[in-house]
C-alpha cells in the first residue's frame, strides 16, 4: 500500500512491480504537484507535476476527407475510449459471486464492466470517472479478461483476472497413517 498526493487530494495507491499506481477522482483541470507516502502522513515530493485535462470529444474539420458532404456540421465525433489502469483484486473463487473494483480514467455514468471475448455486461456500480465496482458471476476456473465499457460502446483495454477452484467441504488432504494397523488389546499411537 502507498499513498499518492496529487495537488491537494490524497489517494490510496497500490504498489505493483516497483510502480505505484494511483487512480484520482474528478479534479478541476490544471497542473498538480505529485508526492508519495508509505503511511499517508509523511509525503515525499517527486518534483513532477500531473496535468488534468478535460475530456472533450474532438471533431474532424469540414472539408476534410472524413467530411460526409451531406450538409451536416461536417464533423465526425471521435469517441474516446476509457482507460483501464488496474483491477483489484485479481483472483476470485470460481464457486461464488465476487466484487471487483476497476480503476482507470474516462469512465462515464452508465459504464459497465464486460467479461470475456463475448463482452458479457456485469452488474456495475459507477463510483467516479476513475472507479467502478462490478459483480462477478460464478465462473469456471481459469483466466478471463475484463474491461470497462462506456454507454457509447467505447471499451477500455483489458485486464486479466483468475477464477480459482476452491477445495470442496468434503475434500480432505491426503495423510499417511502410521502404523496402518494395530492390536485390539493394546493402545496404538497413530501418527
N, C-alpha and C. Protein backbone atom coordinates (compact mmCIF):
# COMPACT_ATOMS: atom_id res chain seq x y z
N UNK A 1 0.85 -1.18 0.00
CA UNK A 1 0.00 0.00 0.00
C UNK A 1 0.89 1.23 0.00
N UNK A 2 0.48 2.23 -0.75
CA UNK A 2 1.16 3.52 -0.79
C UNK A 2 0.09 4.60 -0.91
N UNK A 3 0.47 5.81 -0.64
CA UNK A 3 -0.45 6.93 -0.75
C UNK A 3 0.11 7.92 -1.76
N UNK A 4 -0.78 8.51 -2.54
CA UNK A 4 -0.39 9.48 -3.55
C UNK A 4 -1.05 10.80 -3.20
N UNK A 5 -0.30 11.87 -3.32
CA UNK A 5 -0.89 13.19 -3.20
C UNK A 5 -0.71 13.87 -4.55
N UNK A 6 -1.84 14.17 -5.17
CA UNK A 6 -1.84 14.86 -6.45
C UNK A 6 -2.58 16.16 -6.21
N UNK A 7 -1.82 17.27 -6.23
CA UNK A 7 -2.42 18.54 -5.85
C UNK A 7 -2.76 18.49 -4.37
N UNK A 8 -4.02 18.75 -4.04
CA UNK A 8 -4.45 18.72 -2.65
C UNK A 8 -5.11 17.39 -2.28
N UNK A 9 -5.36 16.53 -3.24
CA UNK A 9 -6.04 15.27 -2.98
C UNK A 9 -5.07 14.17 -2.58
N UNK A 10 -5.46 13.35 -1.60
CA UNK A 10 -4.67 12.19 -1.17
C UNK A 10 -5.47 10.95 -1.53
N UNK A 11 -4.79 9.98 -2.18
CA UNK A 11 -5.46 8.79 -2.68
C UNK A 11 -4.68 7.56 -2.28
N UNK A 12 -5.39 6.49 -2.02
CA UNK A 12 -4.76 5.21 -1.73
C UNK A 12 -4.22 4.64 -3.02
N UNK A 13 -2.97 4.21 -3.00
CA UNK A 13 -2.35 3.65 -4.19
C UNK A 13 -2.01 2.19 -3.98
N UNK A 14 -1.54 1.57 -5.01
CA UNK A 14 -1.15 0.16 -4.96
C UNK A 14 0.23 0.03 -5.58
N UNK A 15 1.09 -0.75 -4.91
CA UNK A 15 2.44 -0.98 -5.42
C UNK A 15 2.42 -2.26 -6.25
N UNK A 16 2.79 -2.16 -7.52
CA UNK A 16 2.83 -3.29 -8.42
C UNK A 16 4.17 -3.25 -9.16
N UNK A 17 4.99 -4.27 -8.97
CA UNK A 17 6.28 -4.37 -9.65
C UNK A 17 7.08 -3.07 -9.56
N UNK A 18 7.31 -2.58 -8.35
CA UNK A 18 8.09 -1.36 -8.11
C UNK A 18 7.49 -0.11 -8.73
N UNK A 19 6.19 -0.13 -9.00
CA UNK A 19 5.49 1.02 -9.55
C UNK A 19 4.31 1.33 -8.63
N UNK A 20 4.09 2.60 -8.34
CA UNK A 20 2.95 3.00 -7.53
C UNK A 20 1.83 3.43 -8.47
N UNK A 21 0.68 2.77 -8.37
CA UNK A 21 -0.48 3.09 -9.20
C UNK A 21 -1.49 3.84 -8.36
N UNK A 22 -1.96 4.96 -8.85
CA UNK A 22 -2.96 5.76 -8.15
C UNK A 22 -4.05 6.16 -9.13
N UNK A 23 -5.28 5.99 -8.74
CA UNK A 23 -6.41 6.45 -9.54
C UNK A 23 -6.97 7.68 -8.84
N UNK A 24 -7.12 8.76 -9.57
CA UNK A 24 -7.60 10.01 -8.98
C UNK A 24 -9.03 10.27 -9.40
N UNK A 25 -9.79 10.98 -8.57
CA UNK A 25 -11.18 11.30 -8.94
C UNK A 25 -11.23 12.47 -9.91
N UNK A 26 -12.37 13.12 -10.00
CA UNK A 26 -12.59 14.21 -10.95
C UNK A 26 -12.16 15.56 -10.37
N UNK A 27 -10.91 15.94 -10.55
CA UNK A 27 -10.47 17.26 -10.06
C UNK A 27 -10.71 18.32 -11.14
N UNK A 28 -10.54 19.58 -10.77
CA UNK A 28 -10.61 20.61 -11.81
C UNK A 28 -9.39 20.52 -12.73
N UNK A 29 -9.53 20.99 -13.95
CA UNK A 29 -8.42 20.97 -14.90
C UNK A 29 -7.28 21.84 -14.39
N UNK A 30 -6.06 21.44 -14.70
CA UNK A 30 -4.89 22.23 -14.32
C UNK A 30 -3.74 21.35 -13.86
N UNK A 31 -2.64 22.02 -13.46
CA UNK A 31 -1.45 21.31 -13.01
C UNK A 31 -1.53 20.99 -11.53
N UNK A 32 -0.95 19.83 -11.15
CA UNK A 32 -0.93 19.43 -9.75
C UNK A 32 0.41 18.78 -9.45
N UNK A 33 0.99 19.13 -8.29
CA UNK A 33 2.25 18.52 -7.84
C UNK A 33 1.97 17.09 -7.37
N UNK A 34 2.96 16.21 -7.54
CA UNK A 34 2.82 14.80 -7.17
C UNK A 34 3.78 14.48 -6.03
N UNK A 35 3.27 13.77 -5.00
CA UNK A 35 4.09 13.30 -3.89
C UNK A 35 3.59 11.91 -3.48
N UNK A 36 4.47 11.11 -2.89
CA UNK A 36 4.11 9.77 -2.45
C UNK A 36 4.42 9.61 -0.97
N UNK A 37 3.70 8.67 -0.31
CA UNK A 37 3.90 8.41 1.10
C UNK A 37 3.68 6.93 1.40
N UNK A 38 4.49 6.36 2.29
CA UNK A 38 4.25 4.98 2.70
C UNK A 38 3.18 4.87 3.78
N UNK A 39 2.88 6.01 4.47
CA UNK A 39 1.96 5.95 5.60
C UNK A 39 0.78 6.92 5.52
N UNK A 40 0.70 7.72 4.49
CA UNK A 40 -0.40 8.67 4.34
C UNK A 40 -0.20 9.95 5.14
N UNK A 41 0.94 10.07 5.83
CA UNK A 41 1.22 11.25 6.65
C UNK A 41 2.44 12.00 6.12
N UNK A 42 3.54 11.30 5.98
CA UNK A 42 4.79 11.91 5.52
C UNK A 42 4.92 11.72 4.01
N UNK A 43 4.77 12.81 3.26
CA UNK A 43 4.80 12.74 1.81
C UNK A 43 6.15 13.21 1.28
N UNK A 44 6.63 12.53 0.24
CA UNK A 44 7.89 12.86 -0.39
C UNK A 44 7.61 13.41 -1.78
N UNK A 45 7.95 14.68 -2.02
CA UNK A 45 7.68 15.28 -3.34
C UNK A 45 8.53 14.61 -4.42
N UNK A 46 7.96 14.51 -5.61
CA UNK A 46 8.68 13.90 -6.73
C UNK A 46 9.32 14.94 -7.62
N UNK A 47 8.90 16.19 -7.48
CA UNK A 47 9.39 17.22 -8.38
C UNK A 47 8.67 17.19 -9.72
N UNK A 48 7.68 16.31 -9.84
CA UNK A 48 6.90 16.18 -11.08
C UNK A 48 5.51 16.75 -10.88
N UNK A 49 4.89 17.09 -11.99
CA UNK A 49 3.52 17.58 -11.97
C UNK A 49 2.67 16.74 -12.91
N UNK A 50 1.40 16.68 -12.60
CA UNK A 50 0.42 16.00 -13.43
C UNK A 50 -0.57 17.05 -13.91
N UNK A 51 -0.92 17.00 -15.19
CA UNK A 51 -1.88 17.96 -15.72
C UNK A 51 -3.20 17.28 -15.99
N UNK A 52 -4.23 17.76 -15.29
CA UNK A 52 -5.58 17.27 -15.52
C UNK A 52 -6.14 17.99 -16.75
N UNK A 53 -6.58 17.22 -17.73
CA UNK A 53 -7.18 17.80 -18.93
C UNK A 53 -8.63 17.36 -19.00
N UNK A 54 -9.52 18.26 -19.34
CA UNK A 54 -10.92 17.85 -19.50
C UNK A 54 -11.05 16.93 -20.71
N UNK A 55 -11.93 15.93 -20.58
CA UNK A 55 -12.16 15.03 -21.71
C UNK A 55 -13.27 15.64 -22.55
N UNK A 56 -12.92 15.98 -23.79
CA UNK A 56 -13.90 16.56 -24.70
C UNK A 56 -13.81 15.83 -26.03
N UNK A 57 -14.95 15.59 -26.66
CA UNK A 57 -14.88 14.93 -27.97
C UNK A 57 -14.24 15.85 -28.99
N UNK A 58 -13.53 15.26 -29.93
CA UNK A 58 -12.93 16.06 -30.99
C UNK A 58 -13.73 15.81 -32.28
N UNK A 59 -13.59 16.71 -33.24
CA UNK A 59 -14.32 16.59 -34.49
C UNK A 59 -13.37 16.72 -35.67
N UNK A 60 -13.72 16.02 -36.74
CA UNK A 60 -12.97 16.13 -37.97
C UNK A 60 -13.45 17.39 -38.69
N UNK A 61 -12.57 18.32 -39.02
CA UNK A 61 -13.00 19.59 -39.62
C UNK A 61 -13.72 19.38 -40.97
N UNK A 62 -14.64 20.29 -41.24
CA UNK A 62 -15.35 20.25 -42.52
C UNK A 62 -14.35 20.42 -43.65
N UNK A 63 -14.64 19.79 -44.76
CA UNK A 63 -13.80 19.90 -45.93
C UNK A 63 -12.66 18.90 -45.95
N UNK A 64 -12.58 18.07 -44.94
CA UNK A 64 -11.53 17.04 -44.93
C UNK A 64 -12.10 15.77 -45.52
N UNK A 65 -11.25 14.77 -45.66
CA UNK A 65 -11.67 13.51 -46.25
C UNK A 65 -12.81 12.86 -45.47
N UNK A 66 -12.86 13.11 -44.15
CA UNK A 66 -13.90 12.50 -43.34
C UNK A 66 -15.23 13.26 -43.39
N UNK A 67 -15.26 14.44 -44.07
CA UNK A 67 -16.48 15.22 -44.18
C UNK A 67 -17.50 14.43 -45.00
N UNK A 68 -18.70 14.18 -44.43
CA UNK A 68 -19.69 13.38 -45.17
C UNK A 68 -20.26 14.11 -46.38
N UNK A 69 -20.13 15.43 -46.44
CA UNK A 69 -20.61 16.18 -47.61
C UNK A 69 -22.12 16.20 -47.73
N UNK A 70 -22.82 15.98 -46.64
CA UNK A 70 -24.28 15.92 -46.71
C UNK A 70 -24.95 17.15 -46.08
N UNK A 71 -24.18 18.24 -45.90
CA UNK A 71 -24.77 19.45 -45.36
C UNK A 71 -24.82 19.47 -43.84
N UNK A 72 -24.35 18.43 -43.19
CA UNK A 72 -24.33 18.45 -41.73
C UNK A 72 -23.17 19.30 -41.27
N UNK A 73 -22.85 19.29 -40.00
CA UNK A 73 -21.79 20.16 -39.49
C UNK A 73 -20.42 19.81 -40.04
N UNK A 74 -20.32 18.76 -40.81
CA UNK A 74 -19.06 18.42 -41.46
C UNK A 74 -18.09 17.70 -40.56
N UNK A 75 -18.48 17.42 -39.35
CA UNK A 75 -17.56 16.76 -38.43
C UNK A 75 -18.05 15.39 -38.01
N UNK A 76 -17.12 14.53 -37.75
CA UNK A 76 -17.44 13.20 -37.24
C UNK A 76 -16.92 13.13 -35.81
N UNK A 77 -17.80 12.91 -34.83
CA UNK A 77 -17.30 12.87 -33.46
C UNK A 77 -16.35 11.70 -33.26
N UNK A 78 -15.30 11.95 -32.52
CA UNK A 78 -14.35 10.91 -32.16
C UNK A 78 -14.67 10.48 -30.74
N UNK A 79 -14.95 9.20 -30.56
CA UNK A 79 -15.27 8.70 -29.24
C UNK A 79 -13.98 8.26 -28.58
N UNK A 80 -13.71 8.82 -27.41
CA UNK A 80 -12.50 8.48 -26.68
C UNK A 80 -12.82 7.33 -25.74
N UNK A 81 -12.15 6.18 -25.89
CA UNK A 81 -12.45 5.05 -25.01
C UNK A 81 -11.92 5.30 -23.60
N UNK A 82 -12.53 4.66 -22.62
CA UNK A 82 -12.00 4.77 -21.26
C UNK A 82 -10.66 4.03 -21.17
N UNK A 83 -9.88 4.38 -20.17
CA UNK A 83 -8.60 3.69 -19.92
C UNK A 83 -8.74 2.88 -18.65
N UNK A 84 -8.31 1.63 -18.70
CA UNK A 84 -8.31 0.76 -17.52
C UNK A 84 -6.86 0.61 -17.06
N UNK A 85 -6.57 1.09 -15.84
CA UNK A 85 -5.20 1.01 -15.31
C UNK A 85 -4.96 -0.32 -14.60
N UNK A 86 -5.89 -0.68 -13.70
CA UNK A 86 -5.75 -1.95 -12.99
C UNK A 86 -7.07 -2.32 -12.32
N UNK A 87 -7.18 -3.57 -11.89
CA UNK A 87 -8.33 -4.06 -11.16
C UNK A 87 -7.84 -4.63 -9.83
N UNK A 88 -8.73 -4.64 -8.85
CA UNK A 88 -8.37 -5.18 -7.54
C UNK A 88 -9.60 -5.77 -6.88
N UNK A 89 -9.54 -6.99 -6.42
CA UNK A 89 -8.45 -7.95 -6.52
C UNK A 89 -8.38 -8.55 -7.93
N UNK A 90 -7.47 -9.50 -8.13
CA UNK A 90 -7.31 -10.12 -9.45
C UNK A 90 -7.60 -11.62 -9.43
N UNK A 91 -7.86 -12.18 -8.25
CA UNK A 91 -8.13 -13.62 -8.14
C UNK A 91 -9.41 -13.82 -7.34
N UNK A 92 -10.26 -14.74 -7.81
CA UNK A 92 -11.59 -14.92 -7.23
C UNK A 92 -11.94 -16.40 -7.14
N UNK A 93 -12.76 -16.79 -6.16
CA UNK A 93 -13.24 -18.17 -6.12
C UNK A 93 -14.21 -18.39 -7.27
N UNK A 94 -14.12 -19.55 -7.89
CA UNK A 94 -14.98 -19.85 -9.04
C UNK A 94 -16.40 -20.22 -8.61
N UNK A 95 -16.60 -20.53 -7.34
CA UNK A 95 -17.88 -21.07 -6.89
C UNK A 95 -18.82 -20.04 -6.27
N UNK A 96 -18.41 -18.77 -6.23
CA UNK A 96 -19.29 -17.77 -5.64
C UNK A 96 -19.13 -16.42 -6.36
N UNK A 97 -20.15 -15.58 -6.23
CA UNK A 97 -20.08 -14.25 -6.81
C UNK A 97 -19.09 -13.40 -6.00
N UNK A 98 -18.42 -12.48 -6.66
CA UNK A 98 -17.42 -11.63 -6.01
C UNK A 98 -17.51 -10.21 -6.54
N UNK A 99 -16.97 -9.27 -5.77
CA UNK A 99 -16.89 -7.88 -6.22
C UNK A 99 -15.47 -7.56 -6.64
N UNK A 100 -15.34 -6.77 -7.70
CA UNK A 100 -14.05 -6.32 -8.20
C UNK A 100 -14.14 -4.83 -8.45
N UNK A 101 -13.07 -4.10 -8.12
CA UNK A 101 -13.01 -2.68 -8.41
C UNK A 101 -12.08 -2.47 -9.59
N UNK A 102 -12.52 -1.66 -10.54
CA UNK A 102 -11.71 -1.32 -11.71
C UNK A 102 -11.34 0.15 -11.60
N UNK A 103 -10.04 0.45 -11.83
CA UNK A 103 -9.53 1.81 -11.71
C UNK A 103 -8.97 2.26 -13.05
N UNK A 104 -9.25 3.49 -13.42
CA UNK A 104 -8.76 4.00 -14.70
C UNK A 104 -9.11 5.45 -14.87
N UNK A 105 -9.49 5.81 -16.09
CA UNK A 105 -9.85 7.20 -16.40
C UNK A 105 -10.88 7.19 -17.52
N UNK A 106 -11.70 8.22 -17.54
CA UNK A 106 -12.68 8.37 -18.62
C UNK A 106 -13.91 7.49 -18.48
N UNK A 107 -14.17 6.95 -17.27
CA UNK A 107 -15.39 6.18 -17.07
C UNK A 107 -16.56 7.17 -17.00
N UNK A 108 -17.62 6.88 -17.72
CA UNK A 108 -18.79 7.76 -17.73
C UNK A 108 -19.93 7.13 -16.95
N UNK A 109 -20.85 7.94 -16.39
CA UNK A 109 -22.01 7.35 -15.72
C UNK A 109 -22.71 6.38 -16.68
N UNK A 110 -23.03 5.20 -16.19
CA UNK A 110 -23.62 4.17 -17.03
C UNK A 110 -22.60 3.18 -17.57
N UNK A 111 -21.31 3.41 -17.28
CA UNK A 111 -20.26 2.47 -17.72
C UNK A 111 -20.49 1.12 -17.03
N UNK A 112 -20.15 0.05 -17.74
CA UNK A 112 -20.27 -1.30 -17.17
C UNK A 112 -18.98 -2.07 -17.40
N UNK A 113 -18.73 -3.00 -16.51
CA UNK A 113 -17.64 -3.95 -16.74
C UNK A 113 -18.16 -5.00 -17.71
N UNK A 114 -17.29 -5.46 -18.60
CA UNK A 114 -17.66 -6.53 -19.53
C UNK A 114 -16.63 -7.64 -19.37
N UNK A 115 -17.11 -8.88 -19.43
CA UNK A 115 -16.28 -10.04 -19.15
C UNK A 115 -16.12 -10.90 -20.39
N UNK A 116 -14.87 -11.26 -20.67
CA UNK A 116 -14.57 -12.21 -21.74
C UNK A 116 -14.67 -11.62 -23.13
N UNK A 117 -14.40 -12.48 -24.12
CA UNK A 117 -14.44 -12.04 -25.51
C UNK A 117 -15.86 -11.75 -25.97
N UNK A 118 -16.85 -12.34 -25.27
CA UNK A 118 -18.25 -12.06 -25.62
C UNK A 118 -18.71 -10.73 -25.03
N UNK A 119 -17.87 -10.11 -24.21
CA UNK A 119 -18.18 -8.84 -23.56
C UNK A 119 -19.51 -8.88 -22.82
N UNK A 120 -19.66 -9.90 -21.99
CA UNK A 120 -20.87 -10.04 -21.18
C UNK A 120 -20.92 -8.92 -20.16
N UNK A 121 -21.98 -8.09 -20.17
CA UNK A 121 -22.05 -6.98 -19.21
C UNK A 121 -22.31 -7.50 -17.80
N UNK A 122 -21.66 -6.87 -16.82
CA UNK A 122 -21.81 -7.25 -15.42
C UNK A 122 -22.58 -6.16 -14.68
N UNK A 123 -23.19 -6.54 -13.56
CA UNK A 123 -23.82 -5.54 -12.70
C UNK A 123 -22.71 -4.63 -12.20
N UNK A 124 -22.84 -3.32 -12.46
CA UNK A 124 -21.76 -2.38 -12.20
C UNK A 124 -22.29 -1.17 -11.44
N UNK A 125 -21.51 -0.73 -10.45
CA UNK A 125 -21.81 0.50 -9.72
C UNK A 125 -20.79 1.54 -10.13
N UNK A 126 -21.27 2.64 -10.69
CA UNK A 126 -20.40 3.76 -11.08
C UNK A 126 -20.04 4.52 -9.81
N UNK A 127 -18.74 4.68 -9.55
CA UNK A 127 -18.29 5.41 -8.37
C UNK A 127 -17.76 6.79 -8.78
N UNK A 128 -16.93 6.82 -9.82
CA UNK A 128 -16.40 8.09 -10.32
C UNK A 128 -15.85 7.85 -11.72
N UNK A 129 -15.32 8.89 -12.33
CA UNK A 129 -14.74 8.74 -13.67
C UNK A 129 -13.48 7.89 -13.65
N UNK A 130 -13.01 7.54 -12.44
CA UNK A 130 -11.80 6.72 -12.34
C UNK A 130 -12.02 5.40 -11.61
N UNK A 131 -13.27 5.10 -11.21
CA UNK A 131 -13.52 3.85 -10.48
C UNK A 131 -14.94 3.35 -10.70
N UNK A 132 -15.05 2.05 -10.97
CA UNK A 132 -16.34 1.36 -10.98
C UNK A 132 -16.17 0.08 -10.18
N UNK A 133 -17.28 -0.41 -9.62
CA UNK A 133 -17.26 -1.69 -8.89
C UNK A 133 -18.21 -2.64 -9.60
N UNK A 134 -17.74 -3.86 -9.85
CA UNK A 134 -18.50 -4.81 -10.65
C UNK A 134 -18.72 -6.10 -9.88
N UNK A 135 -19.84 -6.75 -10.17
CA UNK A 135 -20.17 -8.02 -9.53
C UNK A 135 -19.87 -9.15 -10.51
N UNK A 136 -18.92 -10.00 -10.13
CA UNK A 136 -18.54 -11.13 -10.98
C UNK A 136 -19.46 -12.31 -10.71
N UNK A 137 -19.85 -13.04 -11.74
CA UNK A 137 -20.70 -14.21 -11.55
C UNK A 137 -19.87 -15.43 -11.14
N UNK A 138 -20.56 -16.49 -10.77
CA UNK A 138 -19.91 -17.79 -10.63
C UNK A 138 -19.32 -18.11 -11.99
N UNK A 139 -18.11 -18.64 -12.04
CA UNK A 139 -17.41 -18.82 -13.31
C UNK A 139 -16.53 -20.06 -13.24
N UNK A 140 -16.36 -20.73 -14.34
CA UNK A 140 -15.46 -21.88 -14.39
C UNK A 140 -14.04 -21.45 -14.03
N UNK A 141 -13.26 -22.31 -13.38
CA UNK A 141 -11.88 -21.94 -13.05
C UNK A 141 -11.09 -21.61 -14.31
N UNK A 142 -10.17 -20.65 -14.17
CA UNK A 142 -9.31 -20.25 -15.28
C UNK A 142 -9.20 -18.75 -15.39
N UNK A 143 -8.48 -18.29 -16.40
CA UNK A 143 -8.26 -16.86 -16.62
C UNK A 143 -9.33 -16.30 -17.54
N UNK A 144 -9.61 -15.01 -17.35
CA UNK A 144 -10.62 -14.32 -18.16
C UNK A 144 -10.21 -12.86 -18.26
N UNK A 145 -10.61 -12.20 -19.32
CA UNK A 145 -10.36 -10.78 -19.50
C UNK A 145 -11.56 -9.98 -19.03
N UNK A 146 -11.27 -8.80 -18.46
CA UNK A 146 -12.33 -7.89 -18.04
C UNK A 146 -11.97 -6.50 -18.57
N UNK A 147 -12.98 -5.73 -18.94
CA UNK A 147 -12.76 -4.37 -19.45
C UNK A 147 -13.90 -3.49 -18.96
N UNK A 148 -13.79 -2.18 -19.18
CA UNK A 148 -14.85 -1.24 -18.84
C UNK A 148 -15.37 -0.65 -20.14
N UNK A 149 -16.70 -0.64 -20.27
CA UNK A 149 -17.33 -0.15 -21.50
C UNK A 149 -18.25 1.03 -21.15
N UNK A 150 -18.03 2.16 -21.82
CA UNK A 150 -18.88 3.33 -21.63
C UNK A 150 -20.20 3.15 -22.39
N UNK A 151 -21.22 3.95 -22.05
CA UNK A 151 -22.51 3.82 -22.74
C UNK A 151 -22.42 3.97 -24.26
N UNK A 152 -21.40 4.67 -24.77
CA UNK A 152 -21.23 4.84 -26.21
C UNK A 152 -20.79 3.55 -26.89
N UNK A 153 -20.36 2.56 -26.08
CA UNK A 153 -19.82 1.32 -26.64
C UNK A 153 -18.30 1.31 -26.67
N UNK A 154 -17.68 2.49 -26.44
CA UNK A 154 -16.21 2.55 -26.40
C UNK A 154 -15.74 1.73 -25.20
N UNK A 155 -14.76 0.87 -25.45
CA UNK A 155 -14.32 -0.09 -24.43
C UNK A 155 -12.83 0.08 -24.16
N UNK A 156 -12.47 -0.06 -22.90
CA UNK A 156 -11.07 0.06 -22.48
C UNK A 156 -10.27 -1.16 -22.91
N UNK A 157 -8.97 -1.09 -22.69
CA UNK A 157 -8.13 -2.26 -22.83
C UNK A 157 -8.54 -3.25 -21.72
N UNK A 158 -8.06 -4.46 -21.78
CA UNK A 158 -8.49 -5.47 -20.82
C UNK A 158 -7.45 -5.69 -19.73
N UNK A 159 -7.92 -6.25 -18.63
CA UNK A 159 -7.07 -6.75 -17.56
C UNK A 159 -7.41 -8.23 -17.40
N UNK A 160 -6.46 -9.02 -16.98
CA UNK A 160 -6.68 -10.45 -16.80
C UNK A 160 -6.95 -10.75 -15.33
N UNK A 161 -8.02 -11.52 -15.09
CA UNK A 161 -8.35 -11.97 -13.74
C UNK A 161 -8.39 -13.49 -13.76
N UNK A 162 -8.32 -14.09 -12.57
CA UNK A 162 -8.29 -15.55 -12.47
C UNK A 162 -9.38 -16.03 -11.53
N UNK A 163 -10.11 -17.04 -11.98
CA UNK A 163 -11.09 -17.72 -11.14
C UNK A 163 -10.44 -19.01 -10.67
N UNK A 164 -10.40 -19.21 -9.36
CA UNK A 164 -9.73 -20.39 -8.80
C UNK A 164 -10.72 -21.37 -8.21
N UNK A 165 -10.37 -22.63 -8.28
CA UNK A 165 -11.20 -23.69 -7.71
C UNK A 165 -10.97 -23.71 -6.21
N UNK A 166 -12.05 -23.67 -5.46
CA UNK A 166 -11.94 -23.77 -4.00
C UNK A 166 -12.04 -25.23 -3.60
N UNK A 167 -11.33 -25.63 -2.54
CA UNK A 167 -11.47 -27.02 -2.10
C UNK A 167 -12.90 -27.27 -1.63
N UNK A 168 -13.39 -28.43 -1.93
CA UNK A 168 -14.73 -28.82 -1.50
C UNK A 168 -14.74 -29.01 0.00
N UNK A 169 -15.90 -28.79 0.61
CA UNK A 169 -16.06 -29.03 2.04
C UNK A 169 -15.77 -30.48 2.38
N UNK A 170 -15.98 -31.38 1.42
CA UNK A 170 -15.82 -32.80 1.68
C UNK A 170 -14.49 -33.34 1.16
N UNK A 171 -13.60 -32.48 0.75
CA UNK A 171 -12.29 -32.91 0.29
C UNK A 171 -11.32 -32.84 1.46
N UNK A 172 -10.67 -33.95 1.74
CA UNK A 172 -9.71 -33.99 2.84
C UNK A 172 -8.32 -34.14 2.27
N UNK A 173 -7.34 -33.53 2.90
CA UNK A 173 -5.98 -33.70 2.42
C UNK A 173 -5.52 -35.14 2.62
N UNK A 174 -4.61 -35.58 1.78
CA UNK A 174 -4.05 -36.93 1.89
C UNK A 174 -3.10 -36.99 3.08
N UNK A 175 -3.25 -38.03 3.89
CA UNK A 175 -2.36 -38.24 5.03
C UNK A 175 -1.83 -39.65 4.99
N UNK A 176 -0.62 -39.80 5.48
CA UNK A 176 -0.07 -41.14 5.67
C UNK A 176 -0.34 -41.54 7.11
N UNK A 177 -0.98 -42.67 7.30
CA UNK A 177 -1.27 -43.19 8.63
C UNK A 177 -0.20 -44.21 8.96
N UNK A 178 0.43 -44.04 10.13
CA UNK A 178 1.49 -44.97 10.52
C UNK A 178 1.35 -45.28 12.00
N UNK A 179 1.19 -46.49 12.39
CA UNK A 179 1.08 -47.67 11.53
C UNK A 179 -0.32 -47.78 10.95
N UNK A 180 -0.46 -48.58 9.93
CA UNK A 180 -1.74 -48.76 9.26
C UNK A 180 -2.63 -49.74 10.00
N UNK A 181 -2.10 -50.46 10.98
CA UNK A 181 -2.90 -51.41 11.74
C UNK A 181 -2.32 -51.52 13.15
N UNK A 182 -3.09 -52.14 14.07
CA UNK A 182 -2.63 -52.30 15.44
C UNK A 182 -3.43 -53.35 16.17
N UNK A 183 -3.01 -53.68 17.38
CA UNK A 183 -3.63 -54.71 18.20
C UNK A 183 -4.93 -54.20 18.78
N UNK A 184 -5.94 -55.09 18.90
CA UNK A 184 -7.21 -54.75 19.52
C UNK A 184 -7.05 -54.61 21.03
N UNK A 185 -6.05 -55.26 21.60
CA UNK A 185 -5.92 -55.29 23.04
C UNK A 185 -5.06 -54.17 23.60
N UNK A 186 -4.19 -53.55 22.80
CA UNK A 186 -3.30 -52.52 23.31
C UNK A 186 -3.59 -51.20 22.61
N UNK A 187 -3.28 -50.14 23.31
CA UNK A 187 -3.42 -48.83 22.69
C UNK A 187 -2.27 -48.65 21.71
N UNK A 188 -2.60 -48.16 20.51
CA UNK A 188 -1.59 -47.93 19.48
C UNK A 188 -1.55 -46.44 19.16
N UNK A 189 -0.38 -45.87 19.18
CA UNK A 189 -0.22 -44.47 18.83
C UNK A 189 -0.22 -44.35 17.31
N UNK A 190 -1.14 -43.61 16.78
CA UNK A 190 -1.24 -43.43 15.32
C UNK A 190 -0.78 -42.02 14.99
N UNK A 191 0.08 -41.90 14.01
CA UNK A 191 0.52 -40.59 13.56
C UNK A 191 0.25 -40.42 12.08
